[in-house]
Amino acid sequence: MEISERAERSPLMRLRVQRFMTQKQLGEALGVTEATVRNWESGRSVPKLTPVQYKKLLKILQITSDELPDQFGFPSDADG
């Protein structure tokens, strides 16, 4: 399994893999499905988190709000 190559694709995936978490584990911790996390990481959807989920995500990933990526999915040309 080429985790290091895959982890380069998505900022959220990189952070999640660094914490040795699966998509399912992260989804369960945030109260969303594994498919939802997969969609965030692929850039197919943008997280719409409640304040409680947002705080939980920061705690799980062990980052501050300033360290949270602007986009969880693949980098795009629309970054402005």
C-alpha atoms as a PDB file:
ATOM      1  CA  MET A   1       0.000   0.000   0.000  1.00  0.00           C
ATOM      2  CA  GLU A   2       1.458   3.343  -1.051  1.00  0.00           C
ATOM      3  CA  ILE A   3       0.161   5.499   1.775  1.00  0.00           C
ATOM      4  CA  SER A   4       2.815   8.184   1.354  1.00  0.00           C
ATOM      5  CA  GLU A   5       1.911   8.750  -2.301  1.00  0.00           C
ATOM      6  CA  ARG A   6      -1.816   8.782  -1.602  1.00  0.00           C
ATOM      7  CA  ALA A   7      -1.370  11.093   1.360  1.00  0.00           C
ATOM      8  CA  GLU A   8       0.060  13.788  -0.905  1.00  0.00           C
ATOM      9  CA  ARG A   9      -3.267  14.102  -2.671  1.00  0.00           C
ATOM     10  CA  SER A  10      -5.384  15.629   0.061  1.00  0.00           C
ATOM     11  CA  PRO A  11      -4.487  17.823   3.046  1.00  0.00           C
ATOM     12  CA  LEU A  12      -7.186  16.160   5.137  1.00  0.00           C
ATOM     13  CA  MET A  13      -5.990  12.689   4.142  1.00  0.00           C
ATOM     14  CA  ARG A  14      -2.414  13.628   5.048  1.00  0.00           C
ATOM     15  CA  LEU A  15      -3.473  14.834   8.505  1.00  0.00           C
ATOM     16  CA  ARG A  16      -5.702  11.820   9.058  1.00  0.00           C
ATOM     17  CA  VAL A  17      -3.005   9.335   8.027  1.00  0.00           C
ATOM     18  CA  GLN A  18      -0.495  11.068  10.317  1.00  0.00           C
ATOM     19  CA  ARG A  19      -2.894  10.307  13.186  1.00  0.00           C
ATOM     20  CA  PHE A  20      -3.190   6.644  12.045  1.00  0.00           C
ATOM     21  CA  MET A  21      -6.931   7.038  11.530  1.00  0.00           C
ATOM     22  CA  THR A  22      -9.168   5.481   8.919  1.00  0.00           C
ATOM     23  CA  GLN A  23     -11.859   7.427   7.082  1.00  0.00           C
ATOM     24  CA  LYS A  24     -14.390   5.392   9.043  1.00  0.00           C
ATOM     25  CA  GLN A  25     -12.827   6.296  12.411  1.00  0.00           C
ATOM     26  CA  LEU A  26     -12.732  10.000  11.561  1.00  0.00           C
ATOM     27  CA  GLY A  27     -16.305   9.897  10.288  1.00  0.00           C
ATOM     28  CA  GLU A  28     -17.549   8.132  13.418  1.00  0.00           C
ATOM     29  CA  ALA A  29     -15.765  10.670  15.632  1.00  0.00           C
ATOM     30  CA  LEU A  30     -17.453  13.528  13.772  1.00  0.00           C
ATOM     31  CA  GLY A  31     -20.837  11.854  13.389  1.00  0.00           C
ATOM     32  CA  VAL A  32     -20.625  11.550   9.591  1.00  0.00           C
ATOM     33  CA  THR A  33     -20.262   8.562   7.288  1.00  0.00           C
ATOM     34  CA  GLU A  34     -17.053   7.134   5.891  1.00  0.00           C
ATOM     35  CA  ALA A  35     -18.329   8.126   2.435  1.00  0.00           C
ATOM     36  CA  THR A  36     -18.639  11.744   3.604  1.00  0.00           C
ATOM     37  CA  VAL A  37     -14.997  11.803   4.715  1.00  0.00           C
ATOM     38  CA  ARG A  38     -13.986  10.199   1.405  1.00  0.00           C
ATOM     39  CA  ASN A  39     -15.899  12.922  -0.478  1.00  0.00           C
ATOM     40  CA  TRP A  40     -14.146  15.644   1.534  1.00  0.00           C
ATOM     41  CA  GLU A  41     -10.744  14.155   0.787  1.00  0.00           C
ATOM     42  CA  SER A  42     -11.474  13.781  -2.913  1.00  0.00           C
ATOM     43  CA  GLY A  43     -12.805  17.327  -3.160  1.00  0.00           C
ATOM     44  CA  ARG A  44     -16.258  16.116  -4.234  1.00  0.00           C
ATOM     45  CA  SER A  45     -17.863  17.913  -1.305  1.00  0.00           C
ATOM     46  CA  VAL A  46     -16.969  20.594   1.202  1.00  0.00           C
ATOM     47  CA  PRO A  47     -17.441  19.952   4.923  1.00  0.00           C
ATOM     48  CA  LYS A  48     -20.354  21.743   6.524  1.00  0.00           C
ATOM     49  CA  LEU A  49     -19.392  21.251  10.149  1.00  0.00           C
ATOM     50  CA  THR A  50     -21.200  22.407  13.241  1.00  0.00           C
ATOM     51  CA  PRO A  51     -19.069  24.307  15.781  1.00  0.00           C
ATOM     52  CA  VAL A  52     -18.930  21.151  17.916  1.00  0.00           C
ATOM     53  CA  GLN A  53     -17.761  19.037  14.937  1.00  0.00           C
ATOM     54  CA  TYR A  54     -15.217  21.707  13.978  1.00  0.00           C
ATOM     55  CA  LYS A  55     -13.706  21.752  17.471  1.00  0.00           C
ATOM     56  CA  LYS A  56     -13.681  17.961  17.556  1.00  0.00           C
ATOM     57  CA  LEU A  57     -11.904  17.822  14.173  1.00  0.00           C
ATOM     58  CA  LEU A  58      -9.177  20.170  15.401  1.00  0.00           C
ATOM     59  CA  LYS A  59      -8.733  18.107  18.555  1.00  0.00           C
ATOM     60  CA  ILE A  60      -8.620  14.786  16.641  1.00  0.00           C
ATOM     61  CA  LEU A  61      -6.094  16.107  14.114  1.00  0.00           C
ATOM     62  CA  GLN A  62      -4.122  17.848  16.878  1.00  0.00           C
ATOM     63  CA  ILE A  63      -3.976  21.124  15.005  1.00  0.00           C
ATOM     64  CA  THR A  64      -5.079  24.716  15.563  1.00  0.00           C
ATOM     65  CA  SER A  65      -7.643  26.484  13.423  1.00  0.00           C
ATOM     66  CA  ASP A  66      -4.757  28.356  11.757  1.00  0.00           C
ATOM     67  CA  GLU A  67      -3.192  25.034  10.727  1.00  0.00           C
ATOM     68  CA  LEU A  68      -6.417  23.696   9.238  1.00  0.00           C
ATOM     69  CA  PRO A  69      -6.120  23.573   5.427  1.00  0.00           C
ATOM     70  CA  ASP A  70      -8.323  25.968   3.480  1.00  0.00           C
ATOM     71  CA  GLN A  71      -9.340  23.023   1.317  1.00  0.00           C
ATOM     72  CA  PHE A  72      -9.529  19.388   2.382  1.00  0.00           C
ATOM     73  CA  GLY A  73      -9.605  17.948  -1.116  1.00  0.00           C
ATOM     74  CA  PHE A  74      -7.265  18.132  -4.054  1.00  0.00           C
ATOM     75  CA  PRO A  75      -5.656  21.517  -4.722  1.00  0.00           C
ATOM     76  CA  SER A  76      -7.475  23.314  -7.504  1.00  0.00           C
ATOM     77  CA  ASP A  77      -6.800  26.260  -9.760  1.00  0.00           C
ATOM     78  CA  ALA A  78      -9.704  28.133  -8.175  1.00  0.00           C
ATOM     79  CA  ASP A  79      -7.694  28.950  -5.049  1.00  0.00           C
ATOM     80  CA  GLY A  80      -7.700  32.630  -5.992  1.00  0.00           C
END
